[in-house]
Every structure is written in structure tokens, then in C-alpha cells.
Amino acid sequence: MRRADRLFQIVQHLRGGRLVTAQMLAARLEVSERTIYRDIADLQSTGVPIDGEAGVGYIMREGYDLPPLMFTRDEIVALVAGARMVQAFGGATMARAAAEALVKIGAVVPPGGRDRIRQTAINVPDMVVNDTVRDALDRTERAIDDRLVLTLDYRDAEDRLTRRDIRPLGLTFWGKVWTLIAWCEMRDDFREFRIDRIVKMSPAERVFKPERGRTLTDYYRLLELRGEQAA
């Protein structure tokens, strides 16, 4: 990560009037605490209103150099509802990111918008997705982003266990279950795998490049073609 990007991320993590320690920032940005101390000092020297000290934590006063974000009532409801659904149904990393996004949005909208965020009466039950599925979602999402081939031990609807290498392409949520859309190297075709039926997942220690006929776009194009033929 470039230093300029890291300084920007530090400012983003400090928004919302929360006390954040150097240890927390160092873990999130994958640098040493010494680096965080130096970056905070540099930000303070340029006029960024950060209060605090090493060993205690840091907090940034509200209103720093940001025009208020303007959202309509319906936009705020949509953002809050979406973030709460991700917190309930997404991976652990997704859930933390959704909570962080709400804090950042609340820090930069006008007071009326903050009240709307707090008062939005759309809620989602807690603990909808278990920790095993959350972990699998995070790992598959990272593998999709990194184009990393995965080895799956998968149990199908007939309780048959198979092992195969797959190229993860996308995740789809169906309201109750998540499915992983992938190119299956064993079947040499697209396949969908329910996340909750993955018994074991491990990296195959190789990456893949997008190939014509084997991308997520190709998968959706194939679905459209099948739909047209069925009609």
C-alpha cells in the first residue's frame, strides 16, 4: 500500500468520533505500530485534528474537511438495510466492513441523516449464518478477487463426497443459502456449489487467468441462452 493511501485509510478509520488505538490501525493496515505513530504525527503536523497519544489511542474531531453527504430518506433506508443484511448473512470480514461503512456514513451526513440512520426500523435477526459459513464466504471472496484456484471437498445433495479443483468466479445469495459459481476443472464446465456443503477448502497454490468461455460473464450468458431456449 502506498503511503498516501495509508494516510487516507488512517483518516477514514478515525472518522466517527471513536477512540482507535495504534495497535488496531496497525493490524488493519498490516504495518507496524511505529509506522502508525509516525503517520499520525505527520497528519497532525498538517492540521488534521487528531487528538490522543501513543499507548492511549487516537480520536479525530468531527467535521474535518468534508462536505456533508446528502442522501434522500429512501437512500438512507436502503443503505442501512443493506448493511444490516450483510452483517447478518455475510462473511465475518463483510460484516465488519458493513458496520464500518455505517459509522463512516454517519460521520459525514448532516445531523438529520444521522437520526434517520439510528431510527431506520428495518432489522435483521442476529446469528443467521454460522461461523463456518462466514469463514468460507470470506475465503472464497478473497480467492475470487485473487483468482486463486481452490481445492474443495464437497458433499452434494445425495450425500456423495468428491474432491475437485475449481476456479471461483462469483457468489450468489438466495435468501437462505449462498452458492459459489465456479469453473470446475474436473467436469470442465460451470458448476454451482452451496457454501454450507463445502466440507473442506484449501488453496491449490496456483492462480488462473480469465479464459474465453470460462468467465462469470460467460456463465450468465449461458443462463440467458438456456432461458431463451426454454421459452
C-alpha atoms as a PDB file:
ATOM      1  CA  MET A   1       0.000   0.000   0.000  1.00  0.00           C
ATOM      2  CA  ARG A   2       1.336   3.425  -0.932  1.00  0.00           C
ATOM      3  CA  ARG A   3       1.960   5.792   1.973  1.00  0.00           C
ATOM      4  CA  ALA A   4      -0.573   8.301   0.623  1.00  0.00           C
ATOM      5  CA  ASP A   5      -3.205   5.561   0.528  1.00  0.00           C
ATOM      6  CA  ARG A   6      -2.294   4.502   4.060  1.00  0.00           C
ATOM      7  CA  LEU A   7      -2.662   8.057   5.390  1.00  0.00           C
ATOM      8  CA  PHE A   8      -6.064   8.288   3.739  1.00  0.00           C
ATOM      9  CA  GLN A   9      -7.107   4.984   5.304  1.00  0.00           C
ATOM     10  CA  ILE A  10      -5.991   6.171   8.750  1.00  0.00           C
ATOM     11  CA  VAL A  11      -8.211   9.240   8.412  1.00  0.00           C
ATOM     12  CA  GLN A  12     -11.114   7.036   7.322  1.00  0.00           C
ATOM     13  CA  HIS A  13     -10.692   4.698  10.302  1.00  0.00           C
ATOM     14  CA  LEU A  14     -10.664   7.668  12.685  1.00  0.00           C
ATOM     15  CA  ARG A  15     -13.924   9.138  11.419  1.00  0.00           C
ATOM     16  CA  GLY A  16     -16.990   8.870  13.592  1.00  0.00           C
ATOM     17  CA  GLY A  17     -15.591  10.187  16.873  1.00  0.00           C
ATOM     18  CA  ARG A  18     -14.293   6.781  18.024  1.00  0.00           C
ATOM     19  CA  LEU A  19     -11.151   6.105  20.013  1.00  0.00           C
ATOM     20  CA  VAL A  20      -8.862   3.937  17.885  1.00  0.00           C
ATOM     21  CA  THR A  21      -5.548   2.560  19.116  1.00  0.00           C
ATOM     22  CA  ALA A  22      -2.325   2.358  17.120  1.00  0.00           C
ATOM     23  CA  GLN A  23      -2.456  -1.411  17.577  1.00  0.00           C
ATOM     24  CA  MET A  24      -5.873  -1.581  15.890  1.00  0.00           C
ATOM     25  CA  LEU A  25      -4.715   0.601  12.995  1.00  0.00           C
ATOM     26  CA  ALA A  26      -1.514  -1.380  12.568  1.00  0.00           C
ATOM     27  CA  ALA A  27      -3.482  -4.642  12.378  1.00  0.00           C
ATOM     28  CA  ARG A  28      -5.974  -3.283   9.858  1.00  0.00           C
ATOM     29  CA  LEU A  29      -3.328  -1.721   7.610  1.00  0.00           C
ATOM     30  CA  GLU A  30      -0.756  -4.504   8.097  1.00  0.00           C
ATOM     31  CA  VAL A  31       2.090  -2.245   9.202  1.00  0.00           C
ATOM     32  CA  SER A  32       3.991  -1.777  12.454  1.00  0.00           C
ATOM     33  CA  GLU A  33       2.742   0.379  15.312  1.00  0.00           C
ATOM     34  CA  ARG A  34       5.868   2.513  14.881  1.00  0.00           C
ATOM     35  CA  THR A  35       4.724   3.301  11.338  1.00  0.00           C
ATOM     36  CA  ILE A  36       1.290   4.298  12.645  1.00  0.00           C
ATOM     37  CA  TYR A  37       2.829   6.613  15.251  1.00  0.00           C
ATOM     38  CA  ARG A  38       4.892   8.305  12.548  1.00  0.00           C
ATOM     39  CA  ASP A  39       1.904   8.626  10.203  1.00  0.00           C
ATOM     40  CA  ILE A  40      -0.312  10.090  12.928  1.00  0.00           C
ATOM     41  CA  ALA A  41       2.371  12.646  13.794  1.00  0.00           C
ATOM     42  CA  ASP A  42       2.646  13.641  10.128  1.00  0.00           C
ATOM     43  CA  LEU A  43      -1.131  14.007   9.827  1.00  0.00           C
ATOM     44  CA  GLN A  44      -1.265  16.143  12.967  1.00  0.00           C
ATOM     45  CA  SER A  45       1.533  18.362  11.641  1.00  0.00           C
ATOM     46  CA  THR A  46      -0.513  19.085   8.503  1.00  0.00           C
ATOM     47  CA  GLY A  47      -3.518  20.238  10.534  1.00  0.00           C
ATOM     48  CA  VAL A  48      -5.656  17.108  10.687  1.00  0.00           C
ATOM     49  CA  PRO A  49      -7.482  17.454  14.059  1.00  0.00           C
ATOM     50  CA  ILE A  50      -6.384  14.186  15.648  1.00  0.00           C
ATOM     51  CA  ASP A  51      -6.215  14.068  19.436  1.00  0.00           C
ATOM     52  CA  GLY A  52      -4.591  11.396  21.568  1.00  0.00           C
ATOM     53  CA  GLU A  53      -1.234   9.847  22.233  1.00  0.00           C
ATOM     54  CA  ALA A  54       0.734   6.638  21.926  1.00  0.00           C
ATOM     55  CA  GLY A  55      -0.416   3.932  24.320  1.00  0.00           C
ATOM     56  CA  VAL A  56      -3.849   5.518  24.786  1.00  0.00           C
ATOM     57  CA  GLY A  57      -5.415   5.874  21.369  1.00  0.00           C
ATOM     58  CA  TYR A  58      -6.468   8.491  18.872  1.00  0.00           C
ATOM     59  CA  ILE A  59      -9.702  10.268  18.025  1.00  0.00           C
ATOM     60  CA  MET A  60     -10.498  12.773  15.296  1.00  0.00           C
ATOM     61  CA  ARG A  61     -12.781  15.696  15.929  1.00  0.00           C
ATOM     62  CA  GLU A  62     -15.904  15.728  13.759  1.00  0.00           C
ATOM     63  CA  GLY A  63     -16.306  17.957  10.741  1.00  0.00           C
ATOM     64  CA  TYR A  64     -12.815  17.604   9.311  1.00  0.00           C
ATOM     65  CA  ASP A  65     -12.685  18.953   5.769  1.00  0.00           C
ATOM     66  CA  LEU A  66     -15.642  17.060   4.404  1.00  0.00           C
ATOM     67  CA  PRO A  67     -18.805  18.461   2.871  1.00  0.00           C
ATOM     68  CA  PRO A  68     -21.859  16.656   4.196  1.00  0.00           C
ATOM     69  CA  LEU A  69     -23.050  13.746   2.106  1.00  0.00           C
ATOM     70  CA  MET A  70     -26.621  14.235   1.024  1.00  0.00           C
ATOM     71  CA  PHE A  71     -28.848  11.176   0.900  1.00  0.00           C
ATOM     72  CA  THR A  72     -32.589  11.018   0.469  1.00  0.00           C
ATOM     73  CA  ARG A  73     -34.683   9.288   3.124  1.00  0.00           C
ATOM     74  CA  ASP A  74     -35.096   6.235   0.878  1.00  0.00           C
ATOM     75  CA  GLU A  75     -31.366   6.085   0.104  1.00  0.00           C
ATOM     76  CA  ILE A  76     -30.512   6.044   3.810  1.00  0.00           C
ATOM     77  CA  VAL A  77     -33.045   3.292   4.470  1.00  0.00           C
ATOM     78  CA  ALA A  78     -31.578   1.255   1.597  1.00  0.00           C
ATOM     79  CA  LEU A  79     -28.003   1.716   2.868  1.00  0.00           C
ATOM     80  CA  VAL A  80     -28.881   0.758   6.436  1.00  0.00           C
ATOM     81  CA  ALA A  81     -30.983  -2.229   5.387  1.00  0.00           C
ATOM     82  CA  GLY A  82     -28.278  -3.477   3.047  1.00  0.00           C
ATOM     83  CA  ALA A  83     -25.535  -3.102   5.658  1.00  0.00           C
ATOM     84  CA  ARG A  84     -27.587  -4.914   8.292  1.00  0.00           C
ATOM     85  CA  MET A  85     -28.299  -7.772   5.899  1.00  0.00           C
ATOM     86  CA  VAL A  86     -24.591  -8.125   5.149  1.00  0.00           C
ATOM     87  CA  GLN A  87     -23.858  -8.130   8.880  1.00  0.00           C
ATOM     88  CA  ALA A  88     -26.365 -10.944   9.372  1.00  0.00           C
ATOM     89  CA  PHE A  89     -25.755 -13.067   6.273  1.00  0.00           C
ATOM     90  CA  GLY A  90     -22.261 -12.193   5.029  1.00  0.00           C
ATOM     91  CA  GLY A  91     -18.791 -13.333   5.942  1.00  0.00           C
ATOM     92  CA  ALA A  92     -17.093 -12.055   9.078  1.00  0.00           C
ATOM     93  CA  THR A  93     -14.954  -9.611   7.085  1.00  0.00           C
ATOM     94  CA  MET A  94     -18.003  -8.444   5.134  1.00  0.00           C
ATOM     95  CA  ALA A  95     -19.926  -7.924   8.387  1.00  0.00           C
ATOM     96  CA  ARG A  96     -17.153  -5.808   9.913  1.00  0.00           C
ATOM     97  CA  ALA A  97     -16.880  -3.761   6.731  1.00  0.00           C
ATOM     98  CA  ALA A  98     -20.641  -3.132   6.694  1.00  0.00           C
ATOM     99  CA  ALA A  99     -20.569  -1.894  10.295  1.00  0.00           C
ATOM    100  CA  GLU A 100     -17.584   0.327   9.497  1.00  0.00           C
ATOM    101  CA  ALA A 101     -19.351   1.745   6.443  1.00  0.00           C
ATOM    102  CA  LEU A 102     -22.364   2.757   8.547  1.00  0.00           C
ATOM    103  CA  VAL A 103     -20.103   4.554  11.011  1.00  0.00           C
ATOM    104  CA  LYS A 104     -18.347   6.448   8.204  1.00  0.00           C
ATOM    105  CA  ILE A 105     -21.623   7.402   6.542  1.00  0.00           C
ATOM    106  CA  GLY A 106     -22.985   8.598   9.891  1.00  0.00           C
ATOM    107  CA  ALA A 107     -19.885  10.738  10.398  1.00  0.00           C
ATOM    108  CA  VAL A 108     -20.320  12.746   7.216  1.00  0.00           C
ATOM    109  CA  VAL A 109     -24.081  13.140   6.738  1.00  0.00           C
ATOM    110  CA  PRO A 110     -25.941  16.107   8.249  1.00  0.00           C
ATOM    111  CA  PRO A 111     -27.483  15.596  11.723  1.00  0.00           C
ATOM    112  CA  GLY A 112     -30.864  14.770  10.252  1.00  0.00           C
ATOM    113  CA  GLY A 113     -29.291  11.952   8.254  1.00  0.00           C
ATOM    114  CA  ARG A 114     -27.650  10.531  11.379  1.00  0.00           C
ATOM    115  CA  ASP A 115     -31.012  10.473  13.102  1.00  0.00           C
ATOM    116  CA  ARG A 116     -32.500   8.640  10.137  1.00  0.00           C
ATOM    117  CA  ILE A 117     -29.734   6.002  10.312  1.00  0.00           C
ATOM    118  CA  ARG A 118     -30.422   5.410  14.011  1.00  0.00           C
ATOM    119  CA  GLN A 119     -34.196   5.362  13.541  1.00  0.00           C
ATOM    120  CA  THR A 120     -34.404   3.093  10.490  1.00  0.00           C
ATOM    121  CA  ALA A 121     -36.759   0.360  11.658  1.00  0.00           C
ATOM    122  CA  ILE A 122     -35.538  -2.372   9.334  1.00  0.00           C
ATOM    123  CA  ASN A 123     -33.739  -5.056  11.279  1.00  0.00           C
ATOM    124  CA  VAL A 124     -32.322  -8.492  10.559  1.00  0.00           C
ATOM    125  CA  PRO A 125     -32.041 -11.336  13.104  1.00  0.00           C
ATOM    126  CA  ASP A 126     -28.607 -11.916  14.588  1.00  0.00           C
ATOM    127  CA  MET A 127     -26.593 -15.110  14.128  1.00  0.00           C
ATOM    128  CA  VAL A 128     -28.314 -16.152  10.894  1.00  0.00           C
ATOM    129  CA  VAL A 129     -25.097 -17.543   9.402  1.00  0.00           C
ATOM    130  CA  ASN A 130     -22.798 -19.750  11.468  1.00  0.00           C
ATOM    131  CA  ASP A 131     -19.071 -19.128  11.847  1.00  0.00           C
ATOM    132  CA  THR A 132     -18.089 -21.940   9.472  1.00  0.00           C
ATOM    133  CA  VAL A 133     -20.094 -20.437   6.625  1.00  0.00           C
ATOM    134  CA  ARG A 134     -18.856 -16.935   7.452  1.00  0.00           C
ATOM    135  CA  ASP A 135     -15.266 -18.133   7.227  1.00  0.00           C
ATOM    136  CA  ALA A 136     -15.929 -19.941   3.945  1.00  0.00           C
ATOM    137  CA  LEU A 137     -17.535 -16.814   2.478  1.00  0.00           C
ATOM    138  CA  ASP A 138     -14.538 -14.676   3.385  1.00  0.00           C
ATOM    139  CA  ARG A 139     -12.095 -17.202   1.966  1.00  0.00           C
ATOM    140  CA  THR A 140     -13.976 -17.689  -1.289  1.00  0.00           C
ATOM    141  CA  GLU A 141     -14.450 -13.937  -1.735  1.00  0.00           C
ATOM    142  CA  ARG A 142     -10.694 -13.408  -1.372  1.00  0.00           C
ATOM    143  CA  ALA A 143      -9.986 -16.305  -3.749  1.00  0.00           C
ATOM    144  CA  ILE A 144     -12.321 -14.774  -6.350  1.00  0.00           C
ATOM    145  CA  ASP A 145     -10.530 -11.449  -6.023  1.00  0.00           C
ATOM    146  CA  ASP A 146      -7.066 -13.064  -6.212  1.00  0.00           C
ATOM    147  CA  ARG A 147      -8.088 -15.553  -8.949  1.00  0.00           C
ATOM    148  CA  LEU A 148      -6.820 -18.377  -6.791  1.00  0.00           C
ATOM    149  CA  VAL A 149      -7.688 -21.969  -7.678  1.00  0.00           C
ATOM    150  CA  LEU A 150      -9.302 -23.803  -4.758  1.00  0.00           C
ATOM    151  CA  THR A 151      -9.432 -27.476  -3.870  1.00  0.00           C
ATOM    152  CA  LEU A 152     -12.851 -28.417  -2.494  1.00  0.00           C
ATOM    153  CA  ASP A 153     -14.091 -31.446  -0.625  1.00  0.00           C
ATOM    154  CA  TYR A 154     -17.779 -31.137  -1.441  1.00  0.00           C
ATOM    155  CA  ARG A 155     -20.827 -33.100  -0.291  1.00  0.00           C
ATOM    156  CA  ASP A 156     -23.712 -32.901  -2.738  1.00  0.00           C
ATOM    157  CA  ALA A 157     -27.465 -33.269  -2.183  1.00  0.00           C
ATOM    158  CA  GLU A 158     -27.133 -37.072  -2.459  1.00  0.00           C
ATOM    159  CA  ASP A 159     -24.513 -37.068   0.329  1.00  0.00           C
ATOM    160  CA  ARG A 160     -21.735 -38.006  -2.100  1.00  0.00           C
ATOM    161  CA  LEU A 161     -18.312 -36.602  -1.278  1.00  0.00           C
ATOM    162  CA  THR A 162     -15.998 -35.504  -4.083  1.00  0.00           C
ATOM    163  CA  ARG A 163     -12.731 -33.602  -4.317  1.00  0.00           C
ATOM    164  CA  ARG A 164     -12.099 -31.223  -7.167  1.00  0.00           C
ATOM    165  CA  ASP A 165     -10.129 -28.117  -8.157  1.00  0.00           C
ATOM    166  CA  ILE A 166     -12.274 -25.151  -9.096  1.00  0.00           C
ATOM    167  CA  ARG A 167     -11.835 -21.614 -10.364  1.00  0.00           C
ATOM    168  CA  PRO A 168     -14.043 -19.428  -8.137  1.00  0.00           C
ATOM    169  CA  LEU A 169     -15.912 -16.786 -10.154  1.00  0.00           C
ATOM    170  CA  GLY A 170     -18.730 -15.319  -8.044  1.00  0.00           C
ATOM    171  CA  LEU A 171     -21.007 -15.655  -5.039  1.00  0.00           C
ATOM    172  CA  THR A 172     -24.805 -15.599  -5.106  1.00  0.00           C
ATOM    173  CA  PHE A 173     -27.144 -15.279  -2.113  1.00  0.00           C
ATOM    174  CA  TRP A 174     -30.567 -16.897  -2.433  1.00  0.00           C
ATOM    175  CA  GLY A 175     -32.181 -15.683   0.785  1.00  0.00           C
ATOM    176  CA  LYS A 176     -31.301 -18.824   2.749  1.00  0.00           C
ATOM    177  CA  VAL A 177     -28.090 -20.148   1.256  1.00  0.00           C
ATOM    178  CA  TRP A 178     -25.003 -18.870  -0.553  1.00  0.00           C
ATOM    179  CA  THR A 179     -23.733 -20.560  -3.692  1.00  0.00           C
ATOM    180  CA  LEU A 180     -20.300 -20.324  -5.261  1.00  0.00           C
ATOM    181  CA  ILE A 181     -20.274 -20.075  -9.042  1.00  0.00           C
ATOM    182  CA  ALA A 182     -17.115 -21.671 -10.399  1.00  0.00           C
ATOM    183  CA  TRP A 183     -15.436 -23.346 -13.324  1.00  0.00           C
ATOM    184  CA  CYS A 184     -14.914 -26.959 -12.293  1.00  0.00           C
ATOM    185  CA  GLU A 185     -11.685 -28.367 -13.673  1.00  0.00           C
ATOM    186  CA  MET A 186     -12.844 -31.933 -13.031  1.00  0.00           C
ATOM    187  CA  ARG A 187     -16.073 -31.521 -15.034  1.00  0.00           C
ATOM    188  CA  ASP A 188     -14.611 -28.966 -17.451  1.00  0.00           C
ATOM    189  CA  ASP A 189     -17.775 -26.918 -17.063  1.00  0.00           C
ATOM    190  CA  PHE A 190     -19.512 -24.379 -14.867  1.00  0.00           C
ATOM    191  CA  ARG A 191     -20.799 -25.622 -11.531  1.00  0.00           C
ATOM    192  CA  GLU A 192     -22.572 -24.127  -8.518  1.00  0.00           C
ATOM    193  CA  PHE A 193     -21.560 -25.168  -5.010  1.00  0.00           C
ATOM    194  CA  ARG A 194     -23.561 -24.474  -1.877  1.00  0.00           C
ATOM    195  CA  ILE A 195     -21.241 -22.900   0.656  1.00  0.00           C
ATOM    196  CA  ASP A 196     -22.792 -24.858   3.534  1.00  0.00           C
ATOM    197  CA  ARG A 197     -21.974 -28.157   1.771  1.00  0.00           C
ATOM    198  CA  ILE A 198     -18.261 -27.441   1.417  1.00  0.00           C
ATOM    199  CA  VAL A 199     -16.582 -29.859   3.830  1.00  0.00           C
ATOM    200  CA  LYS A 200     -13.061 -28.573   3.318  1.00  0.00           C
ATOM    201  CA  MET A 201     -11.471 -25.793   1.291  1.00  0.00           C
ATOM    202  CA  SER A 202      -7.796 -25.189   0.612  1.00  0.00           C
ATOM    203  CA  PRO A 203      -5.770 -23.170  -1.892  1.00  0.00           C
ATOM    204  CA  ALA A 204      -4.358 -25.184  -4.788  1.00  0.00           C
ATOM    205  CA  GLU A 205      -1.296 -22.879  -4.792  1.00  0.00           C
ATOM    206  CA  ARG A 206      -1.895 -21.655  -8.324  1.00  0.00           C
ATOM    207  CA  VAL A 207      -3.751 -18.806  -9.940  1.00  0.00           C
ATOM    208  CA  PHE A 208      -5.866 -18.729 -13.062  1.00  0.00           C
ATOM    209  CA  LYS A 209      -6.303 -16.218 -15.841  1.00  0.00           C
ATOM    210  CA  PRO A 210      -9.692 -15.370 -17.349  1.00  0.00           C
ATOM    211  CA  GLU A 211     -10.265 -17.546 -20.389  1.00  0.00           C
ATOM    212  CA  ARG A 212     -12.885 -17.070 -23.043  1.00  0.00           C
ATOM    213  CA  GLY A 213     -15.867 -19.265 -22.306  1.00  0.00           C
ATOM    214  CA  ARG A 214     -14.919 -19.735 -18.647  1.00  0.00           C
ATOM    215  CA  THR A 215     -15.688 -16.359 -17.065  1.00  0.00           C
ATOM    216  CA  LEU A 216     -18.578 -15.195 -14.902  1.00  0.00           C
ATOM    217  CA  THR A 217     -19.906 -13.208 -17.863  1.00  0.00           C
ATOM    218  CA  ASP A 218     -19.899 -16.399 -19.937  1.00  0.00           C
ATOM    219  CA  TYR A 219     -21.802 -18.178 -17.161  1.00  0.00           C
ATOM    220  CA  TYR A 220     -24.566 -15.563 -17.132  1.00  0.00           C
ATOM    221  CA  ARG A 221     -24.683 -15.506 -20.915  1.00  0.00           C
ATOM    222  CA  LEU A 222     -25.173 -19.281 -20.872  1.00  0.00           C
ATOM    223  CA  LEU A 223     -28.041 -18.934 -18.380  1.00  0.00           C
ATOM    224  CA  GLU A 224     -29.719 -16.355 -20.616  1.00  0.00           C
ATOM    225  CA  LEU A 225     -29.346 -18.636 -23.630  1.00  0.00           C
ATOM    226  CA  ARG A 226     -30.861 -21.572 -21.750  1.00  0.00           C
ATOM    227  CA  GLY A 227     -33.743 -19.354 -20.653  1.00  0.00           C
ATOM    228  CA  GLU A 228     -34.427 -18.258 -24.226  1.00  0.00           C
ATOM    229  CA  GLN A 229     -34.350 -21.868 -25.453  1.00  0.00           C
ATOM    230  CA  ALA A 230     -36.731 -22.962 -22.685  1.00  0.00           C
ATOM    231  CA  ALA A 231     -39.166 -20.213 -23.617  1.00  0.00           C
END
